[in-house]
């Protein structure tokens, strides 16, 4: 019943977003995903990542068959598109195989085995749907929020020393290699999450059950909840508000060479195209959860998680997509959601409730200070800058300490070492 309720709630949310997008004359997430059954997909790697997640419930032989079928179907689609001169891309085969797993589950399986296959299918489809949902959210923010709050955030960012302007100049000095690498890292974050998720779910096909908690759950929840704050705190980022990418709507073409001079901050009008997707930085939130979930993996997995976090933070600032204060809010948001998801698997507990409440309070305080106290933050950077970093670090510390206690209480008791039998006294 719980899985049914979650499925119904998710479907209802997707239908609501579809209707909202249709109200602006554009297709929504359901239409965009359905069209990829036949037409060229937007992201082939994302569809194959969804297929990989779906196949965690299969045996290795079944996975090889599924991969071969997906590749074979993509070859057929590619040849047909090439023959008729249509747009070229790949990924349809992966989507067909994911849907095929669901058909087999409904028609050929029963009981727990059917539920397991449907869970795998839902996991793969949700990864793709999450991406489509994000695109629709961004469209809604650009249409419904004609003004942005970049002057407030840019002023508050002076407390941290305007890191986006500094990172932008540093990245420009590494052209063309630096920007190319960071573009790849920034754009393929869902693929990286799928790979880490596969690592965590690698035993599902053998154990025939999902672990109580894994990365994909948190990743999807962040994508579901995060864009709601874009509606509350619409921000487009320095490359648009103060850079050439903002065109005639920009306050000036200053980024990253010249710091803006901001007097009294006020909402500034902006176009109806650019997404208001800065506060908080969801790329930072996703990269943070990726980092957290790789801490228990192999050495290569830990190194990869660290690299992805550092590269994502560098890209968000270096490309001018975010301000420094966006990143702090993203870290707090990520750890709060991660704490909530982990706490759900443990049942009701006081430490989890306190951690979630503390993270929520800090997150709300950060956003409130950016909106109501940006001038005060900028006027005393020697005090406000370390204070912003300190409260963020306090959430990190609280998360690490609380989860360490959870793991200590759930760790299996060590088996006692076998004792050698005492020697019998010899009979005289």
Protein backbone atom coordinates (compact mmCIF):
# COMPACT_ATOMS: atom_id res chain seq x y z
CA UNK A 1 0.00 0.00 0.00
CA UNK A 2 2.91 2.34 0.75
CA UNK A 3 4.41 1.80 -2.71
CA UNK A 4 0.98 2.28 -4.29
CA UNK A 5 0.45 5.54 -2.41
CA UNK A 6 3.91 6.79 -3.43
CA UNK A 7 3.23 5.89 -7.07
CA UNK A 8 -0.14 7.65 -7.06
CA UNK A 9 1.35 10.77 -5.43
CA UNK A 10 4.20 10.87 -7.95
CA UNK A 11 1.83 10.43 -10.87
CA UNK A 12 -0.42 13.17 -9.55
CA UNK A 13 2.54 15.52 -9.21
CA UNK A 14 3.65 14.79 -12.78
CA UNK A 15 0.12 15.36 -14.08
CA UNK A 16 -0.04 18.71 -12.25
CA UNK A 17 3.26 19.79 -13.81
CA UNK A 18 2.03 18.62 -17.21
CA UNK A 19 -1.07 20.76 -16.89
CA UNK A 20 0.98 23.76 -15.75
CA UNK A 21 3.31 23.43 -18.73
CA UNK A 22 0.38 23.05 -21.10
CA UNK A 23 -0.99 26.28 -19.73
CA UNK A 24 2.05 28.00 -21.24
CA UNK A 25 1.68 26.16 -24.53
CA UNK A 26 4.60 23.78 -23.99
CA UNK A 27 4.80 20.01 -23.39
CA UNK A 28 5.28 18.82 -19.83
CA UNK A 29 7.35 15.98 -18.32
CA UNK A 30 4.91 13.21 -19.26
CA UNK A 31 4.72 14.30 -22.91
CA UNK A 32 8.48 14.76 -23.18
CA UNK A 33 9.15 11.31 -21.79
CA UNK A 34 6.44 9.64 -23.88
CA UNK A 35 7.73 11.15 -27.14
CA UNK A 36 11.12 9.52 -26.55
CA UNK A 37 9.56 6.12 -27.18
CA UNK A 38 9.70 7.01 -30.90
CA UNK A 39 11.42 10.36 -31.46
CA UNK A 40 15.07 11.26 -30.83
CA UNK A 41 15.71 11.56 -27.07
CA UNK A 42 17.21 14.62 -25.45
CA UNK A 43 19.76 12.57 -23.49
CA UNK A 44 20.80 9.09 -24.53
CA UNK A 45 23.22 8.57 -21.60
CA UNK A 46 20.44 9.41 -19.14
CA UNK A 47 18.14 6.78 -20.66
CA UNK A 48 20.86 4.15 -20.50
CA UNK A 49 21.52 5.14 -16.89
CA UNK A 50 17.82 4.55 -16.21
CA UNK A 51 18.06 1.16 -17.90
CA UNK A 52 21.07 0.25 -15.77
CA UNK A 53 19.13 1.11 -12.60
CA UNK A 54 16.16 -0.95 -13.77
CA UNK A 55 18.33 -4.02 -14.38
CA UNK A 56 19.62 -4.19 -10.80
CA UNK A 57 16.68 -6.53 -10.14
CA UNK A 58 17.78 -8.94 -12.90
CA UNK A 59 20.35 -11.70 -12.99
CA UNK A 60 23.61 -11.11 -14.85
CA UNK A 61 22.40 -13.17 -17.80
CA UNK A 62 19.19 -11.16 -17.98
CA UNK A 63 21.16 -7.92 -17.78
CA UNK A 64 23.28 -8.91 -20.76
CA UNK A 65 20.15 -9.79 -22.73
CA UNK A 66 18.56 -6.45 -21.80
CA UNK A 67 21.67 -4.50 -22.79
CA UNK A 68 21.94 -6.35 -26.09
CA UNK A 69 18.26 -5.75 -26.86
CA UNK A 70 18.60 -2.02 -26.08
CA UNK A 71 21.65 -1.64 -28.32
CA UNK A 72 20.00 -3.63 -31.12
CA UNK A 73 16.87 -1.50 -31.00
CA UNK A 74 18.96 1.68 -31.03
CA UNK A 75 20.78 0.48 -34.15
CA UNK A 76 17.43 -0.06 -35.87
CA UNK A 77 16.20 3.39 -34.80
CA UNK A 78 19.47 4.95 -35.96
CA UNK A 79 19.27 3.33 -39.40
CA UNK A 80 15.64 4.41 -39.88
CA UNK A 81 16.42 8.00 -38.85
CA UNK A 82 19.44 8.05 -41.12
CA UNK A 83 17.33 6.79 -44.04
CA UNK A 84 14.57 9.39 -43.60
CA UNK A 85 16.87 12.27 -42.62
CA UNK A 86 15.43 12.70 -39.13
CA UNK A 87 17.20 14.06 -36.06
CA UNK A 88 19.88 11.63 -34.88
CA UNK A 89 20.33 10.47 -31.30
CA UNK A 90 20.26 7.26 -29.28
CA UNK A 91 18.48 5.97 -26.17
CA UNK A 92 15.10 4.78 -27.49
CA UNK A 93 16.19 1.16 -27.16
CA UNK A 94 16.99 1.64 -23.48
CA UNK A 95 13.53 3.11 -22.83
CA UNK A 96 11.84 0.26 -24.71
CA UNK A 97 13.66 -2.34 -22.61
CA UNK A 98 12.73 -0.58 -19.35
CA UNK A 99 9.09 -0.61 -20.41
CA UNK A 100 9.50 -4.24 -21.47
CA UNK A 101 10.62 -5.19 -17.95
CA UNK A 102 7.39 -3.68 -16.62
CA UNK A 103 5.33 -5.64 -19.16
CA UNK A 104 7.05 -8.89 -18.18
CA UNK A 105 6.44 -8.12 -14.50
CA UNK A 106 2.72 -7.60 -15.04
CA UNK A 107 2.12 -10.48 -17.45
CA UNK A 108 4.62 -13.15 -16.43
CA UNK A 109 5.39 -12.66 -12.74
CA UNK A 110 3.40 -12.68 -9.50
CA UNK A 111 3.79 -11.75 -5.86
CA UNK A 112 7.11 -10.48 -4.54
CA UNK A 113 8.92 -11.09 -7.83
CA UNK A 114 6.45 -8.88 -9.71
CA UNK A 115 6.80 -6.13 -7.10
CA UNK A 116 10.60 -6.28 -7.30
CA UNK A 117 10.60 -5.92 -11.10
CA UNK A 118 8.13 -3.03 -10.92
CA UNK A 119 10.31 -1.31 -8.32
CA UNK A 120 13.29 -1.63 -10.66
CA UNK A 121 11.29 -0.22 -13.57
CA UNK A 122 10.01 2.65 -11.46
CA UNK A 123 13.52 3.48 -10.31
CA UNK A 124 14.78 3.75 -13.88
CA UNK A 125 11.80 5.75 -15.11
CA UNK A 126 11.95 8.09 -12.11
CA UNK A 127 15.55 8.98 -12.88
CA UNK A 128 14.51 10.11 -16.35
CA UNK A 129 11.25 11.67 -15.14
CA UNK A 130 13.17 13.63 -12.51
CA UNK A 131 15.23 15.26 -15.25
CA UNK A 132 12.10 16.07 -17.27
CA UNK A 133 10.38 17.40 -14.17
CA UNK A 134 13.30 19.72 -13.49
CA UNK A 135 13.03 21.16 -17.00
CA UNK A 136 9.33 21.86 -16.47
CA UNK A 137 9.98 23.49 -13.10
CA UNK A 138 12.54 25.78 -14.69
CA UNK A 139 10.04 26.78 -17.35
CA UNK A 140 7.45 27.62 -14.69
CA UNK A 141 9.91 29.75 -12.71
CA UNK A 142 10.81 31.81 -15.77
CA UNK A 143 7.16 32.40 -16.66
CA UNK A 144 5.76 33.12 -13.20
CA UNK A 145 8.58 35.16 -11.65
CA UNK A 146 9.12 38.28 -13.80
CA UNK A 147 11.53 39.81 -11.24
CA UNK A 148 14.66 38.29 -9.72
CA UNK A 149 16.46 38.90 -6.43
CA UNK A 150 20.04 38.82 -7.71
CA UNK A 151 20.99 42.22 -6.20
CA UNK A 152 20.19 40.88 -2.74
CA UNK A 153 22.24 37.71 -3.23
CA UNK A 154 25.12 39.51 -4.94
CA UNK A 155 25.31 41.95 -2.04
CA UNK A 156 25.20 39.15 0.55
CA UNK A 157 27.90 37.33 -1.43
CA UNK A 158 30.33 40.15 -0.66
CA UNK A 159 30.55 38.66 2.83
CA UNK A 160 32.32 35.68 1.25
CA UNK A 161 34.56 37.81 -0.97
CA UNK A 162 32.56 37.48 -4.24
CA UNK A 163 33.82 33.94 -4.99
CA UNK A 164 32.00 33.65 -8.33
CA UNK A 165 33.97 36.56 -9.78
CA UNK A 166 37.25 35.06 -8.57
CA UNK A 167 36.40 31.55 -9.81
CA UNK A 168 35.29 32.95 -13.18
CA UNK A 169 38.67 34.60 -13.75
CA UNK A 170 40.55 31.49 -12.61
CA UNK A 171 38.55 29.26 -14.94
CA UNK A 172 39.10 31.61 -17.88
CA UNK A 173 42.84 31.28 -17.28
CA UNK A 174 42.62 27.48 -17.79
CA UNK A 175 40.92 27.57 -21.21
CA UNK A 176 40.22 25.38 -23.11
CA UNK A 177 40.90 22.30 -20.95
CA UNK A 178 39.43 23.54 -17.66
CA UNK A 179 36.05 24.68 -19.01
CA UNK A 180 35.70 21.51 -21.11
CA UNK A 181 36.27 19.17 -18.16
CA UNK A 182 33.95 21.11 -15.86
CA UNK A 183 31.22 21.24 -18.52
CA UNK A 184 31.30 17.45 -18.75
CA UNK A 185 31.19 17.04 -14.97
CA UNK A 186 28.42 19.61 -14.56
CA UNK A 187 26.22 18.18 -17.32
CA UNK A 188 26.59 14.48 -16.45
CA UNK A 189 25.76 14.66 -12.75
CA UNK A 190 22.65 12.42 -13.16
CA UNK A 191 24.83 9.82 -14.88
CA UNK A 192 27.31 9.93 -12.00
CA UNK A 193 24.45 9.46 -9.53
CA UNK A 194 23.23 6.46 -11.51
CA UNK A 195 26.69 4.87 -11.40
CA UNK A 196 26.94 5.33 -7.63
CA UNK A 197 23.39 4.03 -7.29
CA UNK A 198 24.36 0.95 -9.30
CA UNK A 199 27.28 0.35 -6.98
CA UNK A 200 24.99 0.52 -3.95
CA UNK A 201 22.32 -1.67 -5.55
CA UNK A 202 24.68 -4.27 -7.03
CA UNK A 203 23.42 -6.99 -4.63
CA UNK A 204 19.69 -6.53 -5.33
CA UNK A 205 19.67 -9.16 -8.09
CA UNK A 206 21.07 -11.74 -5.65
CA UNK A 207 19.31 -10.76 -2.42
CA UNK A 208 16.00 -10.00 -4.21
CA UNK A 209 15.38 -6.89 -2.12
CA UNK A 210 16.41 -3.25 -2.12
CA UNK A 211 18.58 -1.78 0.67
CA UNK A 212 16.78 0.40 3.18
CA UNK A 213 18.51 3.55 1.89
CA UNK A 214 20.47 4.46 -1.22
CA UNK A 215 21.58 7.52 -3.19
CA UNK A 216 18.84 7.50 -5.82
CA UNK A 217 16.12 8.08 -3.20
CA UNK A 218 17.77 11.25 -1.87
CA UNK A 219 18.69 12.39 -5.37
CA UNK A 220 15.07 12.24 -6.50
CA UNK A 221 13.68 13.91 -3.37
CA UNK A 222 16.12 16.81 -3.74
CA UNK A 223 14.98 17.25 -7.34
CA UNK A 224 11.35 17.16 -6.21
CA UNK A 225 11.55 19.62 -3.31
CA UNK A 226 14.37 21.93 -4.36
CA UNK A 227 12.70 23.77 -7.25
CA UNK A 228 9.91 24.90 -4.92
CA UNK A 229 12.41 27.32 -3.37
CA UNK A 230 13.09 28.79 -6.81
CA UNK A 231 9.53 30.11 -6.68
CA UNK A 232 10.19 31.67 -3.25
CA UNK A 233 13.65 33.03 -4.00
CA UNK A 234 14.03 33.57 -7.79
CA UNK A 235 17.67 34.18 -8.79
CA UNK A 236 19.27 33.79 -12.25
CA UNK A 237 22.97 33.92 -11.34
CA UNK A 238 25.86 36.34 -11.98
CA UNK A 239 26.52 35.30 -15.59
CA UNK A 240 22.99 36.45 -16.48
CA UNK A 241 22.29 39.26 -14.00
CA UNK A 242 25.74 40.86 -14.34
CA UNK A 243 27.21 39.19 -17.42
CA UNK A 244 26.94 39.22 -21.19
CA UNK A 245 24.61 36.19 -21.20
CA UNK A 246 21.88 38.37 -19.70
CA UNK A 247 21.80 40.61 -22.77
CA UNK A 248 19.70 43.72 -22.40
CA UNK A 249 18.20 42.46 -19.14
CA UNK A 250 21.54 42.37 -17.31
CA UNK A 251 22.40 45.13 -14.83
CA UNK A 252 25.74 45.37 -16.62
CA UNK A 253 28.26 43.23 -18.49
CA UNK A 254 30.58 43.01 -15.49
CA UNK A 255 31.07 39.35 -14.68
CA UNK A 256 33.76 38.09 -14.12
CA UNK A 257 36.10 41.05 -14.63
CA UNK A 258 34.47 43.82 -12.60
CA UNK A 259 32.63 43.67 -9.29
CA UNK A 260 29.17 45.28 -9.37
CA UNK A 261 28.44 48.34 -7.29
CA UNK A 262 25.16 47.68 -5.48
CA UNK A 263 23.50 50.38 -3.43
CA UNK A 264 20.10 49.61 -1.98
CA UNK A 265 19.10 46.16 -3.32
CA UNK A 266 15.78 45.80 -5.09
CA UNK A 267 14.08 43.19 -7.32
CA UNK A 268 15.11 43.58 -10.95
CA UNK A 269 12.95 42.60 -13.94
CA UNK A 270 14.24 39.85 -16.18
CA UNK A 271 13.21 37.92 -19.29
CA UNK A 272 10.70 35.07 -19.44
CA UNK A 273 13.25 32.54 -20.70
CA UNK A 274 16.10 32.29 -18.20
CA UNK A 275 15.36 29.86 -15.32
CA UNK A 276 15.41 31.24 -11.80
CA UNK A 277 17.32 28.23 -10.51
CA UNK A 278 20.06 29.46 -8.18
CA UNK A 279 18.79 29.49 -4.60
CA UNK A 280 19.68 26.95 -3.35
CA UNK A 281 22.23 25.38 -5.68
CA UNK A 282 20.77 21.94 -6.42
CA UNK A 283 23.91 20.90 -8.30
CA UNK A 284 25.78 21.51 -5.05
CA UNK A 285 23.11 19.58 -3.13
CA UNK A 286 23.31 16.61 -5.50
CA UNK A 287 27.10 16.62 -5.53
CA UNK A 288 27.11 16.74 -1.72
CA UNK A 289 24.87 13.67 -1.45
CA UNK A 290 27.04 11.95 -4.06
CA UNK A 291 30.06 12.67 -1.87
CA UNK A 292 28.29 11.40 1.27
CA UNK A 293 27.19 8.14 -0.35
CA UNK A 294 30.63 7.34 -1.74
CA UNK A 295 32.28 7.46 1.70
CA UNK A 296 31.42 3.79 2.32
CA UNK A 297 32.55 2.62 -1.12
CA UNK A 298 35.86 1.47 -2.50
CA UNK A 299 38.88 3.75 -2.67
CA UNK A 300 38.18 4.53 -6.34
CA UNK A 301 34.56 5.35 -5.47
CA UNK A 302 35.64 7.69 -2.66
CA UNK A 303 38.09 9.48 -4.94
CA UNK A 304 35.42 9.81 -7.63
CA UNK A 305 32.92 11.27 -5.15
CA UNK A 306 35.47 13.81 -3.94
CA UNK A 307 36.43 14.78 -7.48
CA UNK A 308 32.79 15.22 -8.50
CA UNK A 309 32.06 17.44 -5.51
CA UNK A 310 35.10 19.68 -6.03
CA UNK A 311 34.55 19.87 -9.80
CA UNK A 312 30.83 20.67 -9.40
CA UNK A 313 31.51 23.46 -6.92
CA UNK A 314 34.19 24.85 -9.24
CA UNK A 315 31.82 24.70 -12.23
CA UNK A 316 28.88 26.35 -10.48
CA UNK A 317 31.05 29.29 -9.49
CA UNK A 318 33.43 29.37 -12.45
CA UNK A 319 30.70 29.43 -15.09
CA UNK A 320 28.82 32.13 -13.18
CA UNK A 321 25.76 29.96 -12.62
CA UNK A 322 25.70 30.55 -8.85
CA UNK A 323 26.83 32.86 -6.08
CA UNK A 324 28.85 31.57 -3.15
CA UNK A 325 25.94 31.87 -0.73
CA UNK A 326 23.90 29.60 -3.03
CA UNK A 327 26.42 26.84 -2.41
CA UNK A 328 26.18 27.17 1.37
CA UNK A 329 22.40 26.88 1.18
CA UNK A 330 22.75 23.87 -1.13
CA UNK A 331 24.98 22.01 1.33
CA UNK A 332 22.60 22.61 4.24
CA UNK A 333 19.59 21.61 2.12
CA UNK A 334 21.28 18.40 0.94
CA UNK A 335 22.29 17.22 4.41
CA UNK A 336 18.85 18.02 5.83
CA UNK A 337 17.10 15.98 3.13
CA UNK A 338 19.65 13.17 3.49
CA UNK A 339 19.08 13.13 7.26
CA UNK A 340 15.33 12.93 6.72
CA UNK A 341 15.64 10.04 4.29
CA UNK A 342 17.98 8.12 6.57
CA UNK A 343 15.80 8.84 9.57
CA UNK A 344 12.76 7.37 7.80
CA UNK A 345 14.51 4.02 7.51
CA UNK A 346 15.17 3.99 11.26
CA UNK A 347 11.68 4.88 12.35
CA UNK A 348 10.81 7.63 14.79
CA UNK A 349 13.88 8.73 16.75
CA UNK A 350 14.78 11.84 18.71
CA UNK A 351 18.25 12.39 17.25
CA UNK A 352 16.92 12.30 13.69
CA UNK A 353 14.14 14.74 14.51
CA UNK A 354 16.58 17.16 16.13
CA UNK A 355 18.97 16.97 13.19
CA UNK A 356 16.21 17.64 10.67
CA UNK A 357 14.85 20.51 12.74
CA UNK A 358 18.29 22.05 13.10
CA UNK A 359 19.08 21.76 9.39
CA UNK A 360 15.70 23.27 8.48
CA UNK A 361 16.24 26.16 10.89
CA UNK A 362 19.70 26.94 9.54
CA UNK A 363 18.46 26.72 5.94
CA UNK A 364 15.58 29.11 6.67
CA UNK A 365 17.93 31.47 8.53
CA UNK A 366 20.35 31.57 5.59
CA UNK A 367 17.63 32.43 3.07
CA UNK A 368 16.11 35.00 5.42
CA UNK A 369 19.45 36.72 5.97
CA UNK A 370 20.13 36.85 2.22
CA UNK A 371 16.77 38.51 1.64
CA UNK A 372 16.46 40.84 4.64
CA UNK A 373 20.04 41.51 5.77
CA UNK A 374 22.26 41.59 2.64
CA UNK A 375 23.56 45.12 3.34
CA UNK A 376 24.47 44.19 6.91
CA UNK A 377 26.26 41.04 5.70
CA UNK A 378 28.23 43.03 3.11
CA UNK A 379 29.11 45.82 5.56
CA UNK A 380 30.86 43.46 8.00
CA UNK A 381 32.47 40.71 5.91
CA UNK A 382 35.06 39.97 8.62
CA UNK A 383 32.18 38.88 10.87
CA UNK A 384 29.37 37.75 8.57
CA UNK A 385 31.54 35.70 6.20
CA UNK A 386 33.02 33.39 8.88
CA UNK A 387 29.59 33.26 10.57
CA UNK A 388 27.89 32.00 7.38
CA UNK A 389 30.58 29.36 6.91
CA UNK A 390 30.41 28.42 10.60
CA UNK A 391 26.66 27.79 10.66
CA UNK A 392 27.00 25.69 7.51
CA UNK A 393 29.85 23.74 9.07
CA UNK A 394 27.72 23.21 12.19
CA UNK A 395 25.12 21.35 10.10
CA UNK A 396 27.88 19.24 8.55
CA UNK A 397 29.22 18.44 12.03
CA UNK A 398 25.76 17.62 13.39
CA UNK A 399 25.08 15.32 10.44
CA UNK A 400 28.40 13.48 10.76
CA UNK A 401 28.06 13.10 14.52
CA UNK A 402 24.44 11.92 14.44
CA UNK A 403 24.91 9.41 11.62
CA UNK A 404 28.04 8.07 13.28
CA UNK A 405 25.99 7.37 16.41
CA UNK A 406 23.33 5.65 14.27
CA UNK A 407 25.93 3.40 12.68
CA UNK A 408 27.47 2.60 16.05
CA UNK A 409 24.13 1.50 17.48
CA UNK A 410 23.26 -0.67 14.47
CA UNK A 411 26.69 -2.28 14.01
CA UNK A 412 26.58 -6.03 14.63
CA UNK A 413 28.21 -7.18 17.84
CA UNK A 414 31.62 -8.74 17.26
CA UNK A 415 31.78 -12.48 17.55
CA UNK A 416 33.87 -13.60 20.52
CA UNK A 417 37.16 -15.23 19.73
CA UNK A 418 37.02 -19.00 20.24
CA UNK A 419 38.75 -19.98 23.47
CA UNK A 420 41.12 -22.89 23.57
CA UNK A 421 39.91 -25.61 25.97
CA UNK A 422 41.70 -25.72 29.28
CA UNK A 423 44.04 -28.69 29.56
CA UNK A 424 42.77 -31.47 31.71
CA UNK A 425 44.87 -32.35 34.75
CA UNK A 426 46.77 -35.56 34.20
CA UNK A 427 45.77 -38.49 36.30
CA UNK A 428 48.52 -39.75 38.53
